[in-house]
C-alpha atoms as a PDB file:
ATOM      1  CA  UNK A   1     172.066  -9.822  37.969  1.00  0.00           C
ATOM      2  CA  UNK A   2     170.137  -6.930  36.582  1.00  0.00           C
ATOM      3  CA  UNK A   3     170.599  -4.947  39.820  1.00  0.00           C
ATOM      4  CA  UNK A   4     174.448  -5.522  39.779  1.00  0.00           C
ATOM      5  CA  UNK A   5     174.754  -4.620  36.194  1.00  0.00           C
ATOM      6  CA  UNK A   6     172.779  -1.529  36.826  1.00  0.00           C
ATOM      7  CA  UNK A   7     175.200  -0.729  39.592  1.00  0.00           C
ATOM      8  CA  UNK A   8     178.248  -1.379  37.540  1.00  0.00           C
ATOM      9  CA  UNK A   9     177.023   0.934  34.744  1.00  0.00           C
ATOM     10  CA  UNK A  10     176.272   3.697  37.041  1.00  0.00           C
ATOM     11  CA  UNK A  11     179.506   3.569  38.789  1.00  0.00           C
ATOM     12  CA  UNK A  12     181.346   3.637  35.354  1.00  0.00           C
ATOM     13  CA  UNK A  13     179.279   6.505  34.204  1.00  0.00           C
ATOM     14  CA  UNK A  14     179.732   8.335  37.654  1.00  0.00           C
ATOM     15  CA  UNK A  15     183.515   7.943  37.323  1.00  0.00           C
ATOM     16  CA  UNK A  16     183.537   9.347  33.630  1.00  0.00           C
ATOM     17  CA  UNK A  17     181.544  12.263  34.693  1.00  0.00           C
ATOM     18  CA  UNK A  18     184.182  13.517  37.101  1.00  0.00           C
ATOM     19  CA  UNK A  19     187.241  12.326  35.039  1.00  0.00           C
ATOM     20  CA  UNK A  20     188.172  15.879  34.319  1.00  0.00           C
ATOM     21  CA  UNK A  21     188.353  16.941  38.147  1.00  0.00           C
ATOM     22  CA  UNK A  22     190.279  13.817  38.755  1.00  0.00           C
ATOM     23  CA  UNK A  23     193.051  14.666  36.357  1.00  0.00           C
ATOM     24  CA  UNK A  24     193.872  17.606  38.490  1.00  0.00           C
ATOM     25  CA  UNK A  25     194.069  15.511  41.860  1.00  0.00           C
ATOM     26  CA  UNK A  26     191.183  17.591  43.329  1.00  0.00           C
ATOM     27  CA  UNK A  27     187.339  17.830  43.376  1.00  0.00           C
ATOM     28  CA  UNK A  28     185.614  18.654  40.174  1.00  0.00           C
ATOM     29  CA  UNK A  29     185.622  22.223  39.334  1.00  0.00           C
ATOM     30  CA  UNK A  30     182.488  24.144  39.993  1.00  0.00           C
ATOM     31  CA  UNK A  31     180.156  24.678  37.163  1.00  0.00           C
ATOM     32  CA  UNK A  32     180.549  28.080  35.986  1.00  0.00           C
ATOM     33  CA  UNK A  33     177.416  30.191  36.562  1.00  0.00           C
ATOM     34  CA  UNK A  34     177.780  32.152  33.016  1.00  0.00           C
ATOM     35  CA  UNK A  35     178.171  30.113  29.833  1.00  0.00           C
ATOM     36  CA  UNK A  36     180.760  31.147  27.518  1.00  0.00           C
ATOM     37  CA  UNK A  37     178.971  32.746  24.530  1.00  0.00           C
ATOM     38  CA  UNK A  38     180.099  34.408  21.415  1.00  0.00           C
ATOM     39  CA  UNK A  39     177.737  36.193  18.709  1.00  0.00           C
ATOM     40  CA  UNK A  40     180.146  35.457  15.857  1.00  0.00           C
ATOM     41  CA  UNK A  41     183.770  34.567  15.225  1.00  0.00           C
ATOM     42  CA  UNK A  42     184.820  38.096  15.503  1.00  0.00           C
ATOM     43  CA  UNK A  43     183.300  38.236  18.895  1.00  0.00           C
ATOM     44  CA  UNK A  44     184.909  34.844  20.089  1.00  0.00           C
ATOM     45  CA  UNK A  45     188.305  36.364  18.586  1.00  0.00           C
ATOM     46  CA  UNK A  46     187.828  39.618  20.658  1.00  0.00           C
ATOM     47  CA  UNK A  47     187.183  37.667  23.931  1.00  0.00           C
ATOM     48  CA  UNK A  48     190.017  35.416  23.374  1.00  0.00           C
ATOM     49  CA  UNK A  49     192.289  38.376  22.966  1.00  0.00           C
ATOM     50  CA  UNK A  50     190.758  39.855  26.147  1.00  0.00           C
ATOM     51  CA  UNK A  51     191.349  36.607  28.053  1.00  0.00           C
ATOM     52  CA  UNK A  52     194.996  36.391  26.907  1.00  0.00           C
ATOM     53  CA  UNK A  53     195.523  39.979  28.247  1.00  0.00           C
ATOM     54  CA  UNK A  54     194.139  38.864  31.534  1.00  0.00           C
ATOM     55  CA  UNK A  55     196.429  35.760  31.331  1.00  0.00           C
ATOM     56  CA  UNK A  56     199.422  37.956  30.904  1.00  0.00           C
ATOM     57  CA  UNK A  57     198.483  40.196  33.597  1.00  0.00           C
ATOM     58  CA  UNK A  58     198.125  37.366  36.067  1.00  0.00           C
ATOM     59  CA  UNK A  59     201.331  35.808  34.930  1.00  0.00           C
ATOM     60  CA  UNK A  60     203.110  39.158  35.232  1.00  0.00           C
ATOM     61  CA  UNK A  61     201.899  39.348  38.782  1.00  0.00           C
ATOM     62  CA  UNK A  62     203.197  35.946  39.509  1.00  0.00           C
ATOM     63  CA  UNK A  63     199.651  34.644  40.040  1.00  0.00           C
ATOM     64  CA  UNK A  64     198.942  31.068  38.598  1.00  0.00           C
ATOM     65  CA  UNK A  65     195.506  30.698  40.276  1.00  0.00           C
ATOM     66  CA  UNK A  66     192.668  31.413  37.899  1.00  0.00           C
ATOM     67  CA  UNK A  67     194.474  30.495  34.981  1.00  0.00           C
ATOM     68  CA  UNK A  68     192.840  27.094  34.919  1.00  0.00           C
ATOM     69  CA  UNK A  69     189.393  28.591  34.482  1.00  0.00           C
ATOM     70  CA  UNK A  70     190.528  31.207  32.208  1.00  0.00           C
ATOM     71  CA  UNK A  71     192.069  28.654  29.692  1.00  0.00           C
ATOM     72  CA  UNK A  72     188.971  26.515  29.628  1.00  0.00           C
ATOM     73  CA  UNK A  73     186.899  29.339  28.886  1.00  0.00           C
ATOM     74  CA  UNK A  74     189.294  30.358  26.040  1.00  0.00           C
ATOM     75  CA  UNK A  75     189.320  26.680  24.730  1.00  0.00           C
ATOM     76  CA  UNK A  76     185.498  27.063  24.383  1.00  0.00           C
ATOM     77  CA  UNK A  77     185.754  30.363  22.660  1.00  0.00           C
ATOM     78  CA  UNK A  78     188.574  28.899  20.249  1.00  0.00           C
ATOM     79  CA  UNK A  79     186.002  26.173  19.420  1.00  0.00           C
ATOM     80  CA  UNK A  80     183.193  28.620  18.826  1.00  0.00           C
ATOM     81  CA  UNK A  81     185.416  30.870  16.816  1.00  0.00           C
ATOM     82  CA  UNK A  82     185.988  27.787  14.315  1.00  0.00           C
ATOM     83  CA  UNK A  83     182.217  26.940  14.488  1.00  0.00           C
ATOM     84  CA  UNK A  84     180.929  30.306  13.761  1.00  0.00           C
ATOM     85  CA  UNK A  85     183.412  31.361  11.260  1.00  0.00           C
ATOM     86  CA  UNK A  86     182.355  32.151   7.693  1.00  0.00           C
ATOM     87  CA  UNK A  87     185.582  31.695   5.796  1.00  0.00           C
ATOM     88  CA  UNK A  88     186.067  30.552   2.217  1.00  0.00           C
ATOM     89  CA  UNK A  89     186.039  26.586   2.316  1.00  0.00           C
ATOM     90  CA  UNK A  90     189.677  26.809   0.756  1.00  0.00           C
ATOM     91  CA  UNK A  91     190.722  28.530   3.843  1.00  0.00           C
ATOM     92  CA  UNK A  92     188.985  26.132   6.405  1.00  0.00           C
ATOM     93  CA  UNK A  93     191.921  24.090   6.816  1.00  0.00           C
ATOM     94  CA  UNK A  94     194.246  26.914   7.772  1.00  0.00           C
ATOM     95  CA  UNK A  95     191.499  28.041  10.254  1.00  0.00           C
ATOM     96  CA  UNK A  96     191.284  24.540  11.587  1.00  0.00           C
ATOM     97  CA  UNK A  97     195.110  24.364  12.290  1.00  0.00           C
ATOM     98  CA  UNK A  98     195.116  27.615  13.952  1.00  0.00           C
ATOM     99  CA  UNK A  99     192.476  26.665  16.335  1.00  0.00           C
ATOM    100  CA  UNK A 100     194.346  23.439  16.907  1.00  0.00           C
ATOM    101  CA  UNK A 101     197.417  25.217  17.780  1.00  0.00           C
ATOM    102  CA  UNK A 102     195.556  27.733  19.991  1.00  0.00           C
ATOM    103  CA  UNK A 103     193.966  24.845  21.964  1.00  0.00           C
ATOM    104  CA  UNK A 104     197.389  23.020  22.201  1.00  0.00           C
ATOM    105  CA  UNK A 105     199.073  26.068  23.776  1.00  0.00           C
ATOM    106  CA  UNK A 106     196.141  26.571  25.968  1.00  0.00           C
ATOM    107  CA  UNK A 107     196.452  23.264  27.140  1.00  0.00           C
ATOM    108  CA  UNK A 108     200.188  23.555  27.695  1.00  0.00           C
ATOM    109  CA  UNK A 109     199.580  26.911  29.671  1.00  0.00           C
ATOM    110  CA  UNK A 110     196.798  25.092  31.731  1.00  0.00           C
ATOM    111  CA  UNK A 111     199.134  22.105  32.647  1.00  0.00           C
ATOM    112  CA  UNK A 112     202.091  24.551  33.473  1.00  0.00           C
ATOM    113  CA  UNK A 113     199.797  26.689  35.668  1.00  0.00           C
ATOM    114  CA  UNK A 114     198.271  23.724  37.520  1.00  0.00           C
ATOM    115  CA  UNK A 115     201.789  22.475  38.253  1.00  0.00           C
ATOM    116  CA  UNK A 116     203.011  25.730  39.323  1.00  0.00           C
ATOM    117  CA  UNK A 117     205.600  26.171  36.691  1.00  0.00           C
ATOM    118  CA  UNK A 118     205.795  29.956  35.981  1.00  0.00           C
ATOM    119  CA  UNK A 119     208.611  29.623  33.506  1.00  0.00           C
ATOM    120  CA  UNK A 120     206.835  26.974  31.542  1.00  0.00           C
ATOM    121  CA  UNK A 121     203.508  29.128  31.786  1.00  0.00           C
ATOM    122  CA  UNK A 122     205.425  32.160  30.628  1.00  0.00           C
ATOM    123  CA  UNK A 123     206.698  30.186  27.447  1.00  0.00           C
ATOM    124  CA  UNK A 124     203.311  28.782  26.820  1.00  0.00           C
ATOM    125  CA  UNK A 125     201.693  32.168  26.851  1.00  0.00           C
ATOM    126  CA  UNK A 126     204.239  33.616  24.359  1.00  0.00           C
ATOM    127  CA  UNK A 127     203.381  30.651  22.119  1.00  0.00           C
ATOM    128  CA  UNK A 128     199.640  31.240  22.659  1.00  0.00           C
ATOM    129  CA  UNK A 129     199.901  34.844  21.641  1.00  0.00           C
ATOM    130  CA  UNK A 130     201.633  33.636  18.377  1.00  0.00           C
ATOM    131  CA  UNK A 131     198.733  31.238  17.794  1.00  0.00           C
ATOM    132  CA  UNK A 132     196.026  33.598  18.644  1.00  0.00           C
ATOM    133  CA  UNK A 133     197.707  35.933  15.898  1.00  0.00           C
ATOM    134  CA  UNK A 134     197.483  33.057  13.342  1.00  0.00           C
ATOM    135  CA  UNK A 135     193.920  32.360  14.442  1.00  0.00           C
ATOM    136  CA  UNK A 136     193.125  36.264  13.708  1.00  0.00           C
ATOM    137  CA  UNK A 137     194.777  36.151  10.349  1.00  0.00           C
ATOM    138  CA  UNK A 138     193.010  32.930   9.344  1.00  0.00           C
ATOM    139  CA  UNK A 139     189.617  34.567  10.302  1.00  0.00           C
ATOM    140  CA  UNK A 140     190.030  37.179   7.682  1.00  0.00           C
END
């Protein structure tokens, strides 16, 4: 019974470890060779803005491939911006809201790109740009 229990636990854990890859009906994404890093919130914001520019260029060229990875990096950077921000505690809820909005729009863009919907991806990009402006103002 102990061996059977161990096998069930392993298979459950193994399934969970690949859950993100399976949500896109393909193999798990390769682990990036470089980790996403930011020195501080301002650095994270700078990298987010650069990433949004790359997303806009890709969409402008009609290319949806690569958006998946870019949005995942930007999600990490948005979380790092929140984590590393040194804002007045009274302004923290505004920052948290801006980060949630940014993450939500990144998710919408990610899903639209994965499904090949250029119109939805463009709409999500427009909303993402607004969310990033809100994020920027909440970091001041």
